[in-house]
Amino acid sequence: MEALELKAEVRQITGKQVARLRRQGYVPAVIYGNNLENDLIQIEAKALRKVLAQAGTHQLIALQVGDKRPRMTLARELQIDSIKRSYLHVDFYAVNMKEKVTAQVPVVFEGVSPAVKDLDGILVHGMTELEIECLPADLIAAIEVNIEGLVELDDMITVADLKVPSSITVLSDPESMVAKVEAPRIEEEAVEEEAPVSAEPEVLTAAKEKGKEEGDEG
């Protein structure tokens, strides 16, 4: 899978002063890696949002800091404002192309289940992503799941049923349910009361490699 390109600048501002960076349209970030010193960087918010919308935490990003040679990275921890949904801080892991990495890859459902179409069954998704391990160059955009084999009510697809390239190892529990067709509900379930919106930043994390050094908190 081809890497996405993203430009960054060296960051001098740290700590509480990074709020000024955000007001100027930049997101503070850090590049870390095994046996590497942390590099403090800043990225234009619009460019970052565009790349992460496609790459998530499972696609390689060729991150170029200033005039330096691009480094292959994976976005690892995404700190997001829970109200504005804007990025507050991002950690990038500098990968070694010869060493395996772990990643959370989206699950994409394809086809139509006969049990849903003909028997009014309800398709239940057990998971939206799987944890995999492979060399960086073997990372994939998604794992496709064909549900056309779900013919009867209670038919189920587990992680063990999925077909993935031989270069990829699935780390998720093989017995975990990916999709299942349940019988139609007789009565509607009561709608749960919505939880209050939290003002605390939301942090999305991907599986991290060992050896991450302490990064700045900004």
N, C-alpha and C. Protein backbone atom coordinates (compact mmCIF):
# COMPACT_ATOMS: atom_id res chain seq x y z
N MET A 1 0.85 -1.18 0.00
CA MET A 1 0.00 0.00 0.00
C MET A 1 0.89 1.24 0.00
N GLU A 2 0.63 2.14 -0.93
CA GLU A 2 1.47 3.32 -1.10
C GLU A 2 1.30 4.28 0.08
N ALA A 3 2.42 4.89 0.50
CA ALA A 3 2.38 5.81 1.63
C ALA A 3 1.79 7.15 1.21
N LEU A 4 1.13 7.79 2.14
CA LEU A 4 0.60 9.14 1.93
C LEU A 4 1.66 10.15 2.35
N GLU A 5 1.71 11.28 1.67
CA GLU A 5 2.72 12.29 1.96
C GLU A 5 2.15 13.38 2.86
N LEU A 6 2.97 13.82 3.81
CA LEU A 6 2.56 14.87 4.73
C LEU A 6 3.79 15.69 5.12
N LYS A 7 3.66 17.02 5.08
CA LYS A 7 4.76 17.90 5.43
C LYS A 7 4.59 18.44 6.84
N ALA A 8 5.73 18.64 7.50
CA ALA A 8 5.73 19.15 8.87
C ALA A 8 6.89 20.13 9.05
N GLU A 9 6.88 20.82 10.18
CA GLU A 9 7.95 21.76 10.52
C GLU A 9 8.48 21.43 11.91
N VAL A 10 9.73 21.80 12.16
CA VAL A 10 10.32 21.62 13.48
C VAL A 10 9.56 22.52 14.46
N ARG A 11 9.27 21.99 15.64
CA ARG A 11 8.52 22.76 16.64
C ARG A 11 9.43 23.15 17.80
N GLN A 12 9.40 24.44 18.15
CA GLN A 12 10.16 24.95 19.28
C GLN A 12 9.28 25.14 20.51
N ILE A 13 7.98 25.31 20.28
CA ILE A 13 7.04 25.60 21.36
C ILE A 13 6.59 24.30 22.03
N THR A 14 6.56 24.29 23.35
CA THR A 14 6.13 23.11 24.10
C THR A 14 5.21 23.53 25.25
N GLY A 15 4.72 22.54 25.98
CA GLY A 15 3.92 22.81 27.16
C GLY A 15 2.62 23.54 26.85
N LYS A 16 2.22 24.40 27.77
CA LYS A 16 0.95 25.11 27.64
C LYS A 16 0.95 26.10 26.49
N GLN A 17 2.13 26.47 26.01
CA GLN A 17 2.20 27.45 24.93
C GLN A 17 1.72 26.90 23.59
N VAL A 18 1.51 25.58 23.49
CA VAL A 18 1.08 25.01 22.22
C VAL A 18 -0.33 25.47 21.84
N ALA A 19 -1.08 26.01 22.82
CA ALA A 19 -2.40 26.53 22.52
C ALA A 19 -2.30 27.64 21.47
N ARG A 20 -1.21 28.39 21.51
CA ARG A 20 -1.00 29.45 20.52
C ARG A 20 -0.81 28.87 19.13
N LEU A 21 -0.13 27.71 19.05
CA LEU A 21 0.06 27.04 17.76
C LEU A 21 -1.29 26.65 17.16
N ARG A 22 -2.15 26.11 17.99
CA ARG A 22 -3.46 25.67 17.51
C ARG A 22 -4.28 26.85 16.99
N ARG A 23 -4.18 27.98 17.65
CA ARG A 23 -4.91 29.16 17.19
C ARG A 23 -4.38 29.64 15.84
N GLN A 24 -3.12 29.32 15.55
CA GLN A 24 -2.51 29.71 14.28
C GLN A 24 -2.75 28.67 13.18
N GLY A 25 -3.51 27.61 13.49
CA GLY A 25 -3.85 26.61 12.49
C GLY A 25 -2.89 25.44 12.40
N TYR A 26 -2.11 25.21 13.47
CA TYR A 26 -1.16 24.10 13.48
C TYR A 26 -1.51 23.12 14.60
N VAL A 27 -1.09 21.87 14.41
CA VAL A 27 -1.28 20.84 15.42
C VAL A 27 0.09 20.39 15.91
N PRO A 28 0.36 20.44 17.22
CA PRO A 28 1.63 19.94 17.75
C PRO A 28 1.68 18.42 17.64
N ALA A 29 2.85 17.90 17.34
CA ALA A 29 3.01 16.45 17.18
C ALA A 29 4.42 16.04 17.58
N VAL A 30 4.65 14.74 17.65
CA VAL A 30 5.96 14.21 17.98
C VAL A 30 6.22 12.97 17.14
N ILE A 31 7.46 12.79 16.73
CA ILE A 31 7.90 11.57 16.05
C ILE A 31 8.77 10.80 17.03
N TYR A 32 8.46 9.51 17.24
CA TYR A 32 9.25 8.69 18.14
C TYR A 32 9.52 7.35 17.47
N GLY A 33 10.43 6.59 18.06
CA GLY A 33 10.74 5.28 17.51
C GLY A 33 11.75 4.58 18.38
N ASN A 34 11.92 3.29 18.15
CA ASN A 34 12.88 2.52 18.93
C ASN A 34 14.29 3.07 18.70
N ASN A 35 14.99 3.35 19.81
CA ASN A 35 16.37 3.85 19.75
C ASN A 35 16.49 5.18 19.03
N LEU A 36 15.41 5.96 19.01
CA LEU A 36 15.43 7.28 18.38
C LEU A 36 15.03 8.34 19.39
N GLU A 37 15.63 9.53 19.26
CA GLU A 37 15.22 10.64 20.10
C GLU A 37 13.92 11.22 19.54
N ASN A 38 13.08 11.70 20.43
CA ASN A 38 11.81 12.27 19.99
C ASN A 38 12.04 13.57 19.23
N ASP A 39 11.35 13.73 18.12
CA ASP A 39 11.40 14.96 17.33
C ASP A 39 10.09 15.70 17.51
N LEU A 40 10.16 16.94 17.98
CA LEU A 40 8.96 17.76 18.16
C LEU A 40 8.66 18.48 16.84
N ILE A 41 7.44 18.33 16.36
CA ILE A 41 7.06 18.92 15.08
C ILE A 41 5.69 19.59 15.19
N GLN A 42 5.37 20.37 14.16
CA GLN A 42 4.04 20.97 14.04
C GLN A 42 3.58 20.81 12.60
N ILE A 43 2.26 20.57 12.45
CA ILE A 43 1.70 20.27 11.13
C ILE A 43 0.47 21.14 10.90
N GLU A 44 0.33 21.63 9.67
CA GLU A 44 -0.84 22.41 9.34
C GLU A 44 -2.09 21.57 9.58
N ALA A 45 -3.05 22.10 10.32
CA ALA A 45 -4.23 21.33 10.74
C ALA A 45 -5.03 20.78 9.56
N LYS A 46 -5.22 21.59 8.52
CA LYS A 46 -6.02 21.15 7.37
C LYS A 46 -5.36 19.98 6.65
N ALA A 47 -4.04 20.07 6.46
CA ALA A 47 -3.31 19.00 5.78
C ALA A 47 -3.32 17.73 6.61
N LEU A 48 -3.17 17.86 7.92
CA LEU A 48 -3.17 16.70 8.81
C LEU A 48 -4.52 16.01 8.78
N ARG A 49 -5.58 16.79 8.87
CA ARG A 49 -6.92 16.21 8.87
C ARG A 49 -7.20 15.44 7.58
N LYS A 50 -6.76 15.97 6.46
CA LYS A 50 -6.98 15.33 5.16
C LYS A 50 -6.25 13.99 5.07
N VAL A 51 -5.01 13.95 5.54
CA VAL A 51 -4.22 12.72 5.46
C VAL A 51 -4.73 11.67 6.44
N LEU A 52 -5.03 12.08 7.67
CA LEU A 52 -5.48 11.11 8.67
C LEU A 52 -6.86 10.56 8.35
N ALA A 53 -7.67 11.32 7.62
CA ALA A 53 -8.99 10.82 7.23
C ALA A 53 -8.85 9.59 6.34
N GLN A 54 -7.75 9.51 5.62
CA GLN A 54 -7.51 8.36 4.74
C GLN A 54 -6.60 7.32 5.39
N ALA A 55 -5.58 7.77 6.10
CA ALA A 55 -4.58 6.85 6.64
C ALA A 55 -5.00 6.22 7.95
N GLY A 56 -5.75 6.96 8.78
CA GLY A 56 -6.05 6.44 10.10
C GLY A 56 -4.76 6.10 10.84
N THR A 57 -4.76 4.97 11.51
CA THR A 57 -3.55 4.53 12.21
C THR A 57 -2.96 3.26 11.57
N HIS A 58 -3.39 2.97 10.33
CA HIS A 58 -2.96 1.71 9.71
C HIS A 58 -2.30 1.88 8.35
N GLN A 59 -2.16 3.11 7.85
CA GLN A 59 -1.51 3.32 6.56
C GLN A 59 -0.26 4.15 6.74
N LEU A 60 0.79 3.79 6.02
CA LEU A 60 2.06 4.50 6.12
C LEU A 60 1.91 5.95 5.67
N ILE A 61 2.59 6.84 6.42
CA ILE A 61 2.62 8.26 6.10
C ILE A 61 4.08 8.66 5.93
N ALA A 62 4.43 9.16 4.74
CA ALA A 62 5.78 9.66 4.49
C ALA A 62 5.84 11.08 5.03
N LEU A 63 6.39 11.23 6.21
CA LEU A 63 6.38 12.50 6.92
C LEU A 63 7.69 13.24 6.65
N GLN A 64 7.58 14.40 6.01
CA GLN A 64 8.76 15.20 5.68
C GLN A 64 8.82 16.42 6.58
N VAL A 65 9.89 16.50 7.37
CA VAL A 65 10.08 17.63 8.28
C VAL A 65 11.06 18.61 7.66
N GLY A 66 10.56 19.78 7.26
CA GLY A 66 11.41 20.76 6.61
C GLY A 66 11.97 20.23 5.31
N ASP A 67 13.29 20.35 5.15
CA ASP A 67 13.96 19.88 3.93
C ASP A 67 14.57 18.49 4.10
N LYS A 68 14.30 17.86 5.23
CA LYS A 68 14.88 16.53 5.48
C LYS A 68 14.19 15.46 4.63
N ARG A 69 14.86 14.34 4.52
CA ARG A 69 14.31 13.22 3.78
C ARG A 69 13.07 12.68 4.49
N PRO A 70 11.99 12.37 3.75
CA PRO A 70 10.77 11.86 4.38
C PRO A 70 11.04 10.60 5.18
N ARG A 71 10.33 10.45 6.29
CA ARG A 71 10.45 9.26 7.14
C ARG A 71 9.12 8.52 7.13
N MET A 72 9.18 7.21 7.00
CA MET A 72 7.97 6.41 7.00
C MET A 72 7.46 6.27 8.43
N THR A 73 6.20 6.66 8.63
CA THR A 73 5.63 6.66 9.97
C THR A 73 4.21 6.09 9.96
N LEU A 74 3.72 5.80 11.16
CA LEU A 74 2.33 5.45 11.38
C LEU A 74 1.79 6.36 12.48
N ALA A 75 0.61 6.93 12.27
CA ALA A 75 -0.01 7.72 13.33
C ALA A 75 -0.40 6.76 14.44
N ARG A 76 -0.05 7.10 15.68
CA ARG A 76 -0.28 6.15 16.76
C ARG A 76 -1.26 6.64 17.82
N GLU A 77 -1.11 7.82 18.33
CA GLU A 77 -2.05 8.33 19.32
C GLU A 77 -2.61 9.66 18.84
N LEU A 78 -3.93 9.72 18.72
CA LEU A 78 -4.59 10.91 18.20
C LEU A 78 -5.41 11.53 19.32
N GLN A 79 -5.01 12.71 19.76
CA GLN A 79 -5.77 13.39 20.81
C GLN A 79 -6.72 14.37 20.12
N ILE A 80 -8.02 14.20 20.37
CA ILE A 80 -9.05 14.94 19.65
C ILE A 80 -9.94 15.71 20.62
N ASP A 81 -10.26 16.95 20.24
CA ASP A 81 -11.20 17.74 21.02
C ASP A 81 -12.58 17.09 20.90
N SER A 82 -13.18 16.74 22.03
CA SER A 82 -14.43 15.98 22.01
C SER A 82 -15.61 16.78 21.49
N ILE A 83 -15.52 18.09 21.46
CA ILE A 83 -16.62 18.92 20.99
C ILE A 83 -16.37 19.41 19.56
N LYS A 84 -15.22 20.01 19.32
CA LYS A 84 -14.91 20.55 18.00
C LYS A 84 -14.46 19.47 17.02
N ARG A 85 -14.06 18.30 17.56
CA ARG A 85 -13.55 17.17 16.75
C ARG A 85 -12.29 17.54 15.99
N SER A 86 -11.54 18.49 16.50
CA SER A 86 -10.27 18.89 15.88
C SER A 86 -9.13 18.17 16.58
N TYR A 87 -8.02 17.98 15.87
CA TYR A 87 -6.86 17.30 16.44
C TYR A 87 -6.11 18.25 17.38
N LEU A 88 -5.78 17.75 18.57
CA LEU A 88 -5.03 18.53 19.55
C LEU A 88 -3.56 18.13 19.57
N HIS A 89 -3.28 16.86 19.32
CA HIS A 89 -1.90 16.36 19.34
C HIS A 89 -1.86 14.98 18.68
N VAL A 90 -0.78 14.69 17.98
CA VAL A 90 -0.63 13.40 17.31
C VAL A 90 0.77 12.86 17.54
N ASP A 91 0.85 11.56 17.85
CA ASP A 91 2.13 10.85 17.93
C ASP A 91 2.34 10.06 16.65
N PHE A 92 3.52 10.17 16.05
CA PHE A 92 3.87 9.39 14.86
C PHE A 92 5.00 8.43 15.21
N TYR A 93 4.82 7.15 14.89
CA TYR A 93 5.84 6.14 15.13
C TYR A 93 6.68 5.96 13.86
N ALA A 94 7.98 6.20 13.96
CA ALA A 94 8.90 6.02 12.83
C ALA A 94 9.20 4.53 12.67
N VAL A 95 8.73 3.94 11.59
CA VAL A 95 8.85 2.49 11.42
C VAL A 95 10.19 2.12 10.79
N ASN A 96 10.60 0.89 11.08
CA ASN A 96 11.72 0.25 10.39
C ASN A 96 11.09 -0.68 9.37
N MET A 97 11.34 -0.45 8.09
CA MET A 97 10.66 -1.21 7.04
C MET A 97 11.00 -2.70 7.09
N LYS A 98 12.03 -3.08 7.87
CA LYS A 98 12.42 -4.48 7.97
C LYS A 98 11.89 -5.14 9.24
N GLU A 99 11.16 -4.36 10.05
CA GLU A 99 10.62 -4.90 11.29
C GLU A 99 9.09 -4.86 11.26
N LYS A 100 8.46 -5.91 11.78
CA LYS A 100 7.00 -5.98 11.78
C LYS A 100 6.39 -4.95 12.72
N VAL A 101 5.21 -4.51 12.35
CA VAL A 101 4.46 -3.57 13.18
C VAL A 101 3.06 -4.11 13.40
N THR A 102 2.38 -3.58 14.39
CA THR A 102 0.99 -3.94 14.61
C THR A 102 0.11 -2.76 14.21
N ALA A 103 -1.11 -3.05 13.80
CA ALA A 103 -2.02 -2.00 13.37
C ALA A 103 -3.46 -2.46 13.53
N GLN A 104 -4.35 -1.50 13.73
CA GLN A 104 -5.78 -1.76 13.77
C GLN A 104 -6.35 -1.46 12.39
N VAL A 105 -6.83 -2.48 11.70
CA VAL A 105 -7.30 -2.33 10.32
C VAL A 105 -8.83 -2.42 10.27
N PRO A 106 -9.47 -1.51 9.54
CA PRO A 106 -10.94 -1.52 9.47
C PRO A 106 -11.47 -2.79 8.81
N VAL A 107 -12.66 -3.19 9.25
CA VAL A 107 -13.39 -4.31 8.64
C VAL A 107 -14.46 -3.73 7.72
N VAL A 108 -14.50 -4.20 6.48
CA VAL A 108 -15.46 -3.71 5.50
C VAL A 108 -16.36 -4.86 5.08
N PHE A 109 -17.66 -4.70 5.25
CA PHE A 109 -18.62 -5.76 4.93
C PHE A 109 -19.11 -5.61 3.49
N GLU A 110 -19.16 -6.73 2.77
CA GLU A 110 -19.58 -6.73 1.38
C GLU A 110 -20.68 -7.76 1.14
N GLY A 111 -21.50 -7.51 0.13
CA GLY A 111 -22.54 -8.45 -0.24
C GLY A 111 -23.81 -8.28 0.58
N VAL A 112 -24.78 -9.15 0.32
CA VAL A 112 -26.07 -9.14 1.02
C VAL A 112 -26.32 -10.52 1.63
N SER A 113 -26.68 -10.53 2.88
CA SER A 113 -26.97 -11.80 3.56
C SER A 113 -28.38 -12.27 3.22
N PRO A 114 -28.53 -13.51 2.70
CA PRO A 114 -29.87 -14.07 2.43
C PRO A 114 -30.73 -14.13 3.69
N ALA A 115 -30.10 -14.36 4.84
CA ALA A 115 -30.86 -14.44 6.08
C ALA A 115 -31.47 -13.09 6.45
N VAL A 116 -30.80 -12.03 6.05
CA VAL A 116 -31.32 -10.69 6.30
C VAL A 116 -32.38 -10.34 5.26
N LYS A 117 -32.07 -10.65 4.01
CA LYS A 117 -32.97 -10.29 2.90
C LYS A 117 -34.27 -11.10 2.91
N ASP A 118 -34.15 -12.40 3.12
CA ASP A 118 -35.31 -13.29 2.97
C ASP A 118 -35.99 -13.67 4.29
N LEU A 119 -35.24 -13.64 5.39
CA LEU A 119 -35.79 -14.08 6.67
C LEU A 119 -35.96 -12.94 7.67
N ASP A 120 -35.73 -11.71 7.19
CA ASP A 120 -35.88 -10.52 8.05
C ASP A 120 -34.95 -10.55 9.26
N GLY A 121 -33.82 -11.24 9.09
CA GLY A 121 -32.85 -11.27 10.18
C GLY A 121 -32.18 -9.92 10.36
N ILE A 122 -31.53 -9.76 11.50
CA ILE A 122 -30.83 -8.51 11.82
C ILE A 122 -29.33 -8.79 11.82
N LEU A 123 -28.60 -8.07 10.99
CA LEU A 123 -27.15 -8.26 10.92
C LEU A 123 -26.48 -7.50 12.06
N VAL A 124 -25.74 -8.22 12.86
CA VAL A 124 -25.04 -7.63 14.00
C VAL A 124 -23.54 -7.65 13.72
N HIS A 125 -22.91 -6.49 13.84
CA HIS A 125 -21.47 -6.40 13.64
C HIS A 125 -20.76 -6.59 14.98
N GLY A 126 -19.88 -7.57 15.06
CA GLY A 126 -19.17 -7.82 16.29
C GLY A 126 -17.96 -6.94 16.48
N MET A 127 -17.38 -6.45 15.40
CA MET A 127 -16.21 -5.59 15.48
C MET A 127 -16.11 -4.76 14.20
N THR A 128 -15.47 -3.63 14.32
CA THR A 128 -15.28 -2.74 13.17
C THR A 128 -13.84 -2.72 12.70
N GLU A 129 -12.92 -3.30 13.47
CA GLU A 129 -11.53 -3.37 13.07
C GLU A 129 -10.84 -4.56 13.72
N LEU A 130 -9.74 -4.99 13.10
CA LEU A 130 -8.97 -6.12 13.60
C LEU A 130 -7.53 -5.70 13.84
N GLU A 131 -6.90 -6.33 14.80
CA GLU A 131 -5.49 -6.07 15.04
C GLU A 131 -4.66 -7.06 14.23
N ILE A 132 -3.71 -6.53 13.46
CA ILE A 132 -2.86 -7.38 12.63
C ILE A 132 -1.40 -7.07 12.89
N GLU A 133 -0.54 -7.97 12.39
CA GLU A 133 0.90 -7.76 12.47
C GLU A 133 1.51 -8.13 11.12
N CYS A 134 2.41 -7.27 10.64
CA CYS A 134 3.08 -7.53 9.36
C CYS A 134 4.20 -6.52 9.17
N LEU A 135 4.95 -6.68 8.10
CA LEU A 135 5.95 -5.69 7.73
C LEU A 135 5.21 -4.44 7.25
N PRO A 136 5.79 -3.25 7.46
CA PRO A 136 5.12 -2.02 7.05
C PRO A 136 4.66 -2.02 5.59
N ALA A 137 5.47 -2.58 4.70
CA ALA A 137 5.11 -2.58 3.28
C ALA A 137 3.92 -3.48 2.97
N ASP A 138 3.56 -4.37 3.90
CA ASP A 138 2.45 -5.31 3.68
C ASP A 138 1.14 -4.84 4.31
N LEU A 139 1.14 -3.66 4.89
CA LEU A 139 -0.09 -3.14 5.50
C LEU A 139 -1.18 -2.98 4.45
N ILE A 140 -2.42 -3.23 4.84
CA ILE A 140 -3.55 -3.15 3.92
C ILE A 140 -4.55 -2.11 4.41
N ALA A 141 -5.35 -1.60 3.48
CA ALA A 141 -6.30 -0.53 3.81
C ALA A 141 -7.47 -1.05 4.63
N ALA A 142 -7.88 -2.30 4.39
CA ALA A 142 -9.04 -2.86 5.09
C ALA A 142 -9.08 -4.37 4.90
N ILE A 143 -9.86 -5.04 5.74
CA ILE A 143 -10.11 -6.47 5.60
C ILE A 143 -11.55 -6.64 5.16
N GLU A 144 -11.74 -7.23 3.99
CA GLU A 144 -13.08 -7.38 3.44
C GLU A 144 -13.76 -8.65 3.98
N VAL A 145 -15.03 -8.51 4.35
CA VAL A 145 -15.80 -9.62 4.89
C VAL A 145 -17.06 -9.79 4.04
N ASN A 146 -17.15 -10.90 3.34
CA ASN A 146 -18.33 -11.17 2.50
C ASN A 146 -19.39 -11.86 3.35
N ILE A 147 -20.57 -11.25 3.43
CA ILE A 147 -21.63 -11.79 4.29
C ILE A 147 -22.68 -12.60 3.51
N GLU A 148 -22.40 -12.90 2.25
CA GLU A 148 -23.36 -13.65 1.45
C GLU A 148 -23.52 -15.08 1.93
N GLY A 149 -22.57 -15.55 2.74
CA GLY A 149 -22.67 -16.90 3.27
C GLY A 149 -23.56 -17.02 4.50
N LEU A 150 -24.06 -15.90 4.99
CA LEU A 150 -24.96 -15.93 6.14
C LEU A 150 -26.38 -16.19 5.63
N VAL A 151 -26.72 -17.48 5.54
CA VAL A 151 -27.97 -17.90 4.90
C VAL A 151 -29.10 -18.11 5.90
N GLU A 152 -28.77 -18.63 7.07
CA GLU A 152 -29.79 -18.93 8.08
C GLU A 152 -29.64 -17.99 9.28
N LEU A 153 -30.72 -17.87 10.06
CA LEU A 153 -30.65 -17.11 11.29
C LEU A 153 -29.63 -17.76 12.23
N ASP A 154 -28.90 -16.95 12.92
CA ASP A 154 -27.84 -17.37 13.85
C ASP A 154 -26.55 -17.78 13.14
N ASP A 155 -26.51 -17.70 11.80
CA ASP A 155 -25.24 -17.92 11.10
C ASP A 155 -24.26 -16.83 11.53
N MET A 156 -22.99 -17.21 11.60
CA MET A 156 -22.01 -16.28 12.14
C MET A 156 -20.67 -16.40 11.42
N ILE A 157 -19.95 -15.30 11.37
CA ILE A 157 -18.59 -15.26 10.83
C ILE A 157 -17.67 -14.88 11.98
N THR A 158 -16.63 -15.66 12.20
CA THR A 158 -15.65 -15.35 13.25
C THR A 158 -14.34 -14.90 12.61
N VAL A 159 -13.45 -14.44 13.45
CA VAL A 159 -12.14 -14.00 12.97
C VAL A 159 -11.43 -15.12 12.23
N ALA A 160 -11.58 -16.34 12.72
CA ALA A 160 -10.93 -17.49 12.10
C ALA A 160 -11.42 -17.75 10.68
N ASP A 161 -12.61 -17.27 10.34
CA ASP A 161 -13.17 -17.49 9.01
C ASP A 161 -12.64 -16.51 7.97
N LEU A 162 -11.97 -15.47 8.39
CA LEU A 162 -11.54 -14.42 7.48
C LEU A 162 -10.35 -14.86 6.64
N LYS A 163 -10.32 -14.37 5.42
CA LYS A 163 -9.20 -14.65 4.52
C LYS A 163 -8.33 -13.40 4.41
N VAL A 164 -7.08 -13.55 4.80
CA VAL A 164 -6.13 -12.43 4.72
C VAL A 164 -4.87 -12.91 4.01
N PRO A 165 -4.09 -11.99 3.44
CA PRO A 165 -2.85 -12.39 2.77
C PRO A 165 -1.91 -13.16 3.72
N SER A 166 -1.13 -14.05 3.16
CA SER A 166 -0.23 -14.87 3.98
C SER A 166 0.83 -14.04 4.69
N SER A 167 1.07 -12.83 4.20
CA SER A 167 2.08 -11.96 4.81
C SER A 167 1.58 -11.28 6.07
N ILE A 168 0.29 -11.48 6.38
CA ILE A 168 -0.33 -10.80 7.52
C ILE A 168 -0.77 -11.81 8.57
N THR A 169 -0.50 -11.51 9.82
CA THR A 169 -0.95 -12.32 10.95
C THR A 169 -2.03 -11.55 11.70
N VAL A 170 -3.19 -12.18 11.87
CA VAL A 170 -4.27 -11.56 12.62
C VAL A 170 -4.07 -11.86 14.10
N LEU A 171 -3.99 -10.81 14.93
CA LEU A 171 -3.76 -10.98 16.35
C LEU A 171 -5.05 -11.04 17.16
N SER A 172 -6.15 -10.60 16.58
CA SER A 172 -7.43 -10.65 17.30
C SER A 172 -7.81 -12.10 17.58
N ASP A 173 -8.57 -12.31 18.64
CA ASP A 173 -9.01 -13.65 19.04
C ASP A 173 -9.73 -14.34 17.89
N PRO A 174 -9.26 -15.51 17.44
CA PRO A 174 -9.87 -16.19 16.30
C PRO A 174 -11.33 -16.58 16.54
N GLU A 175 -11.75 -16.70 17.79
CA GLU A 175 -13.12 -17.09 18.08
C GLU A 175 -14.07 -15.89 18.20
N SER A 176 -13.52 -14.68 18.10
CA SER A 176 -14.36 -13.49 18.23
C SER A 176 -15.33 -13.39 17.06
N MET A 177 -16.54 -12.93 17.34
CA MET A 177 -17.56 -12.78 16.32
C MET A 177 -17.35 -11.50 15.52
N VAL A 178 -17.33 -11.66 14.20
CA VAL A 178 -17.20 -10.52 13.30
C VAL A 178 -18.58 -10.05 12.84
N ALA A 179 -19.45 -11.00 12.48
CA ALA A 179 -20.81 -10.68 12.06
C ALA A 179 -21.71 -11.87 12.35
N LYS A 180 -22.97 -11.57 12.67
CA LYS A 180 -23.94 -12.62 12.96
C LYS A 180 -25.34 -12.13 12.59
N VAL A 181 -26.17 -13.06 12.15
CA VAL A 181 -27.56 -12.73 11.83
C VAL A 181 -28.45 -13.22 12.97
N GLU A 182 -29.11 -12.27 13.61
CA GLU A 182 -30.00 -12.62 14.71
C GLU A 182 -31.46 -12.61 14.26
N ALA A 183 -32.29 -13.31 15.00
CA ALA A 183 -33.72 -13.35 14.68
C ALA A 183 -34.34 -11.97 14.88
N PRO A 184 -35.40 -11.68 14.13
CA PRO A 184 -36.05 -10.37 14.26
C PRO A 184 -36.53 -10.15 15.68
N ARG A 185 -36.43 -8.92 16.16
CA ARG A 185 -36.92 -8.59 17.49
C ARG A 185 -38.43 -8.42 17.46
N ILE A 186 -39.07 -8.93 18.49
CA ILE A 186 -40.54 -8.83 18.58
C ILE A 186 -40.94 -7.45 19.09
N GLU A 187 -40.24 -6.98 20.08
CA GLU A 187 -40.54 -5.67 20.64
C GLU A 187 -39.31 -4.78 20.53
N GLU A 188 -39.56 -3.51 20.28
CA GLU A 188 -38.46 -2.57 20.21
C GLU A 188 -37.88 -2.36 21.59
N GLU A 189 -36.57 -2.29 21.62
CA GLU A 189 -35.92 -2.06 22.89
C GLU A 189 -36.01 -0.58 23.24
N ALA A 190 -36.06 -0.31 24.51
CA ALA A 190 -36.14 1.08 24.94
C ALA A 190 -34.87 1.81 24.54
N VAL A 191 -35.05 3.04 24.09
CA VAL A 191 -33.90 3.84 23.68
C VAL A 191 -33.19 4.34 24.92
N GLU A 192 -31.91 4.06 24.99
CA GLU A 192 -31.14 4.48 26.15
C GLU A 192 -30.97 5.99 26.16
N GLU A 193 -30.95 6.52 27.36
CA GLU A 193 -30.75 7.96 27.50
C GLU A 193 -29.35 8.32 27.06
N GLU A 194 -29.24 9.39 26.28
CA GLU A 194 -27.93 9.78 25.77
C GLU A 194 -27.04 10.23 26.90
N ALA A 195 -25.78 9.81 26.80
CA ALA A 195 -24.81 10.20 27.82
C ALA A 195 -24.43 11.66 27.62
N PRO A 196 -24.14 12.40 28.68
CA PRO A 196 -23.75 13.80 28.54
C PRO A 196 -22.45 13.92 27.77
N VAL A 197 -22.33 15.00 27.00
CA VAL A 197 -21.12 15.25 26.22
C VAL A 197 -20.00 15.67 27.14
N SER A 198 -18.88 15.00 27.03
CA SER A 198 -17.74 15.33 27.87
C SER A 198 -16.90 16.41 27.23
N ALA A 199 -16.39 17.31 28.05
CA ALA A 199 -15.53 18.38 27.54
C ALA A 199 -14.08 17.94 27.53
N GLU A 200 -13.79 16.75 28.07
CA GLU A 200 -12.43 16.26 28.10
C GLU A 200 -11.99 15.80 26.72
N PRO A 201 -10.72 16.02 26.36
CA PRO A 201 -10.23 15.57 25.05
C PRO A 201 -10.36 14.06 24.90
N GLU A 202 -10.65 13.63 23.71
CA GLU A 202 -10.76 12.21 23.41
C GLU A 202 -9.42 11.75 22.85
N VAL A 203 -8.95 10.59 23.30
CA VAL A 203 -7.67 10.08 22.84
C VAL A 203 -7.90 8.74 22.16
N LEU A 204 -7.53 8.68 20.88
CA LEU A 204 -7.63 7.44 20.13
C LEU A 204 -6.24 6.85 20.02
N THR A 205 -6.08 5.62 20.43
CA THR A 205 -4.77 5.01 20.39
C THR A 205 -4.77 3.77 19.52
N ALA A 206 -3.64 3.53 18.89
CA ALA A 206 -3.45 2.31 18.11
C ALA A 206 -2.48 1.45 18.90
N ALA A 207 -2.34 0.17 18.48
CA ALA A 207 -1.38 -0.72 19.14
C ALA A 207 0.00 -0.11 19.01
N LYS A 208 0.74 -0.04 20.13
CA LYS A 208 2.04 0.62 20.11
C LYS A 208 3.18 -0.37 20.25
N GLU A 209 4.28 -0.06 19.57
CA GLU A 209 5.45 -0.90 19.66
C GLU A 209 6.17 -0.61 20.98
N LYS A 210 6.92 -1.58 21.43
CA LYS A 210 7.69 -1.42 22.63
C LYS A 210 8.82 -0.43 22.37
N GLY A 211 9.23 0.24 23.42
CA GLY A 211 10.39 1.09 23.30
C GLY A 211 10.07 2.53 23.05
N LYS A 212 8.80 2.96 23.16
CA LYS A 212 8.50 4.37 22.97
C LYS A 212 9.12 5.17 24.09
N GLU A 213 9.81 6.24 23.73
CA GLU A 213 10.42 7.09 24.72
C GLU A 213 9.41 8.10 25.20
N GLU A 214 9.71 8.76 26.30
CA GLU A 214 8.80 9.75 26.83
C GLU A 214 8.72 10.92 25.89
N GLY A 215 7.51 11.30 25.43
CA GLY A 215 7.33 12.43 24.54
C GLY A 215 6.92 13.63 25.34
N ASP A 216 6.83 14.83 24.69
CA ASP A 216 6.37 16.01 25.39
C ASP A 216 4.87 15.92 25.56
N GLU A 217 4.36 16.66 26.49
CA GLU A 217 2.95 16.57 26.81
C GLU A 217 2.15 17.61 26.05
N GLY A 218 2.77 18.35 25.19
CA GLY A 218 2.07 19.41 24.47
C GLY A 218 1.51 18.90 23.21
